[in-house]
Amino acid sequence: IAIPNTESNSAYLRYCQENGIKPHPARFPAALPEYFIRMLTDEGDRVFDPFGGSCVTGEVAERLHRNWTCCELNEEYIRGALGRFVSV
């Protein structure tokens, strides 16, 4: 799977910058989890991400009408991930 990772000015990064949160260093493009979520689940299914990080998988799952759960040990990453779900 060849997907560019060129995110440099996303809402997530802006949220982190505006709130003094260090962004997750290993973000990946939304197209990656989207490919697998579409292929392996149906609307209403549950997606589990054991390494939540910046929560891009949760954001994609929500957009695709899947339920989702994630785990993350680093509290700062979770604080930044909240920016993916804040209404503007």
C-alpha atoms as a PDB file:
ATOM      1  CA  ILE A   1       0.000   0.000   0.000  1.00  0.00           C
ATOM      2  CA  ALA A   2       1.566   3.271  -1.102  1.00  0.00           C
ATOM      3  CA  ILE A   3       0.052   6.241   0.718  1.00  0.00           C
ATOM      4  CA  PRO A   4       1.923   9.537   1.129  1.00  0.00           C
ATOM      5  CA  ASN A   5       2.234  10.955   4.629  1.00  0.00           C
ATOM      6  CA  THR A   6       2.328  14.657   3.843  1.00  0.00           C
ATOM      7  CA  GLU A   7       0.113  16.000   6.634  1.00  0.00           C
ATOM      8  CA  SER A   8       1.707  19.266   7.697  1.00  0.00           C
ATOM      9  CA  ASN A   9      -1.145  21.668   8.391  1.00  0.00           C
ATOM     10  CA  SER A  10      -4.004  19.518   9.638  1.00  0.00           C
ATOM     11  CA  ALA A  11      -6.629  20.469  12.195  1.00  0.00           C
ATOM     12  CA  TYR A  12      -4.946  18.013  14.589  1.00  0.00           C
ATOM     13  CA  LEU A  13      -1.587  19.785  14.353  1.00  0.00           C
ATOM     14  CA  ARG A  14      -3.216  23.208  14.694  1.00  0.00           C
ATOM     15  CA  TYR A  15      -5.128  22.013  17.775  1.00  0.00           C
ATOM     16  CA  CYS A  16      -1.929  20.707  19.371  1.00  0.00           C
ATOM     17  CA  GLN A  17      -0.056  23.924  18.616  1.00  0.00           C
ATOM     18  CA  GLU A  18      -2.877  26.141  19.926  1.00  0.00           C
ATOM     19  CA  ASN A  19      -3.079  24.125  23.152  1.00  0.00           C
ATOM     20  CA  GLY A  20       0.646  23.681  23.798  1.00  0.00           C
ATOM     21  CA  ILE A  21       0.514  19.914  23.242  1.00  0.00           C
ATOM     22  CA  LYS A  22       3.395  18.032  21.654  1.00  0.00           C
ATOM     23  CA  PRO A  23       1.902  16.161  18.661  1.00  0.00           C
ATOM     24  CA  HIS A  24       2.343  12.424  18.343  1.00  0.00           C
ATOM     25  CA  PRO A  25       5.625  11.840  16.446  1.00  0.00           C
ATOM     26  CA  ALA A  26       4.454   8.804  14.439  1.00  0.00           C
ATOM     27  CA  ARG A  27       1.203   9.862  12.821  1.00  0.00           C
ATOM     28  CA  PHE A  28       0.029   8.045   9.726  1.00  0.00           C
ATOM     29  CA  PRO A  29      -2.364   9.130   6.973  1.00  0.00           C
ATOM     30  CA  ALA A  30      -6.080   8.482   7.483  1.00  0.00           C
ATOM     31  CA  ALA A  31      -6.170   6.522   4.217  1.00  0.00           C
ATOM     32  CA  LEU A  32      -4.276   3.658   5.886  1.00  0.00           C
ATOM     33  CA  PRO A  33      -6.807   2.735   8.608  1.00  0.00           C
ATOM     34  CA  GLU A  34      -9.647   3.680   6.240  1.00  0.00           C
ATOM     35  CA  TYR A  35      -8.545   0.989   3.784  1.00  0.00           C
ATOM     36  CA  PHE A  36      -8.659  -1.730   6.443  1.00  0.00           C
ATOM     37  CA  ILE A  37     -11.779  -0.475   8.220  1.00  0.00           C
ATOM     38  CA  ARG A  38     -13.718  -0.453   4.931  1.00  0.00           C
ATOM     39  CA  MET A  39     -12.371  -3.876   3.938  1.00  0.00           C
ATOM     40  CA  LEU A  40     -12.847  -5.661   7.278  1.00  0.00           C
ATOM     41  CA  THR A  41     -15.869  -4.058   8.971  1.00  0.00           C
ATOM     42  CA  ASP A  42     -19.420  -2.944   8.347  1.00  0.00           C
ATOM     43  CA  GLU A  43     -21.257   0.096   9.682  1.00  0.00           C
ATOM     44  CA  GLY A  44     -22.013  -0.421  13.359  1.00  0.00           C
ATOM     45  CA  ASP A  45     -19.098  -2.819  13.927  1.00  0.00           C
ATOM     46  CA  ARG A  46     -16.473  -2.056  16.576  1.00  0.00           C
ATOM     47  CA  VAL A  47     -12.895  -1.097  15.702  1.00  0.00           C
ATOM     48  CA  PHE A  48     -10.244  -1.530  18.400  1.00  0.00           C
ATOM     49  CA  ASP A  49      -6.961   0.363  18.281  1.00  0.00           C
ATOM     50  CA  PRO A  50      -4.587  -0.896  21.000  1.00  0.00           C
ATOM     51  CA  PHE A  51      -2.107   1.940  20.324  1.00  0.00           C
ATOM     52  CA  GLY A  52      -4.355   5.025  20.101  1.00  0.00           C
ATOM     53  CA  GLY A  53      -1.655   7.652  19.614  1.00  0.00           C
ATOM     54  CA  SER A  54      -3.204  10.648  17.885  1.00  0.00           C
ATOM     55  CA  CYS A  55      -6.413   8.643  17.370  1.00  0.00           C
ATOM     56  CA  VAL A  56      -6.506   8.822  13.586  1.00  0.00           C
ATOM     57  CA  THR A  57      -8.040   5.321  13.520  1.00  0.00           C
ATOM     58  CA  GLY A  58     -10.824   6.453  15.851  1.00  0.00           C
ATOM     59  CA  GLU A  59     -11.469   9.532  13.727  1.00  0.00           C
ATOM     60  CA  VAL A  60     -11.767   7.410  10.585  1.00  0.00           C
ATOM     61  CA  ALA A  61     -13.931   4.796  12.327  1.00  0.00           C
ATOM     62  CA  GLU A  62     -16.297   7.500  13.517  1.00  0.00           C
ATOM     63  CA  ARG A  63     -16.510   9.063  10.060  1.00  0.00           C
ATOM     64  CA  LEU A  64     -17.326   5.614   8.611  1.00  0.00           C
ATOM     65  CA  HIS A  65     -20.053   5.016  11.240  1.00  0.00           C
ATOM     66  CA  ARG A  66     -18.187   2.368  13.194  1.00  0.00           C
ATOM     67  CA  ASN A  67     -17.996   2.201  16.957  1.00  0.00           C
ATOM     68  CA  TRP A  68     -14.449   2.344  18.240  1.00  0.00           C
ATOM     69  CA  THR A  69     -12.263   1.952  21.291  1.00  0.00           C
ATOM     70  CA  CYS A  70      -8.613   2.837  21.716  1.00  0.00           C
ATOM     71  CA  CYS A  71      -5.952   2.491  24.398  1.00  0.00           C
ATOM     72  CA  GLU A  72      -3.004   4.809  24.903  1.00  0.00           C
ATOM     73  CA  LEU A  73      -0.504   5.012  27.760  1.00  0.00           C
ATOM     74  CA  ASN A  74       0.711   8.560  27.064  1.00  0.00           C
ATOM     75  CA  GLU A  75      -1.801  11.073  28.440  1.00  0.00           C
ATOM     76  CA  GLU A  76      -0.400  13.918  26.319  1.00  0.00           C
ATOM     77  CA  TYR A  77      -1.162  11.982  23.134  1.00  0.00           C
ATOM     78  CA  ILE A  78      -4.773  11.541  24.278  1.00  0.00           C
ATOM     79  CA  ARG A  79      -5.071  15.267  25.067  1.00  0.00           C
ATOM     80  CA  GLY A  80      -3.918  16.004  21.522  1.00  0.00           C
ATOM     81  CA  ALA A  81      -6.212  13.354  20.057  1.00  0.00           C
ATOM     82  CA  LEU A  82      -9.210  15.162  21.552  1.00  0.00           C
ATOM     83  CA  GLY A  83      -8.612  17.818  18.908  1.00  0.00           C
ATOM     84  CA  ARG A  84      -9.818  15.385  16.271  1.00  0.00           C
ATOM     85  CA  PHE A  85     -13.261  15.354  17.884  1.00  0.00           C
ATOM     86  CA  VAL A  86     -13.757  18.969  18.982  1.00  0.00           C
ATOM     87  CA  SER A  87     -16.435  20.823  17.044  1.00  0.00           C
ATOM     88  CA  VAL A  88     -15.179  24.023  15.503  1.00  0.00           C
END
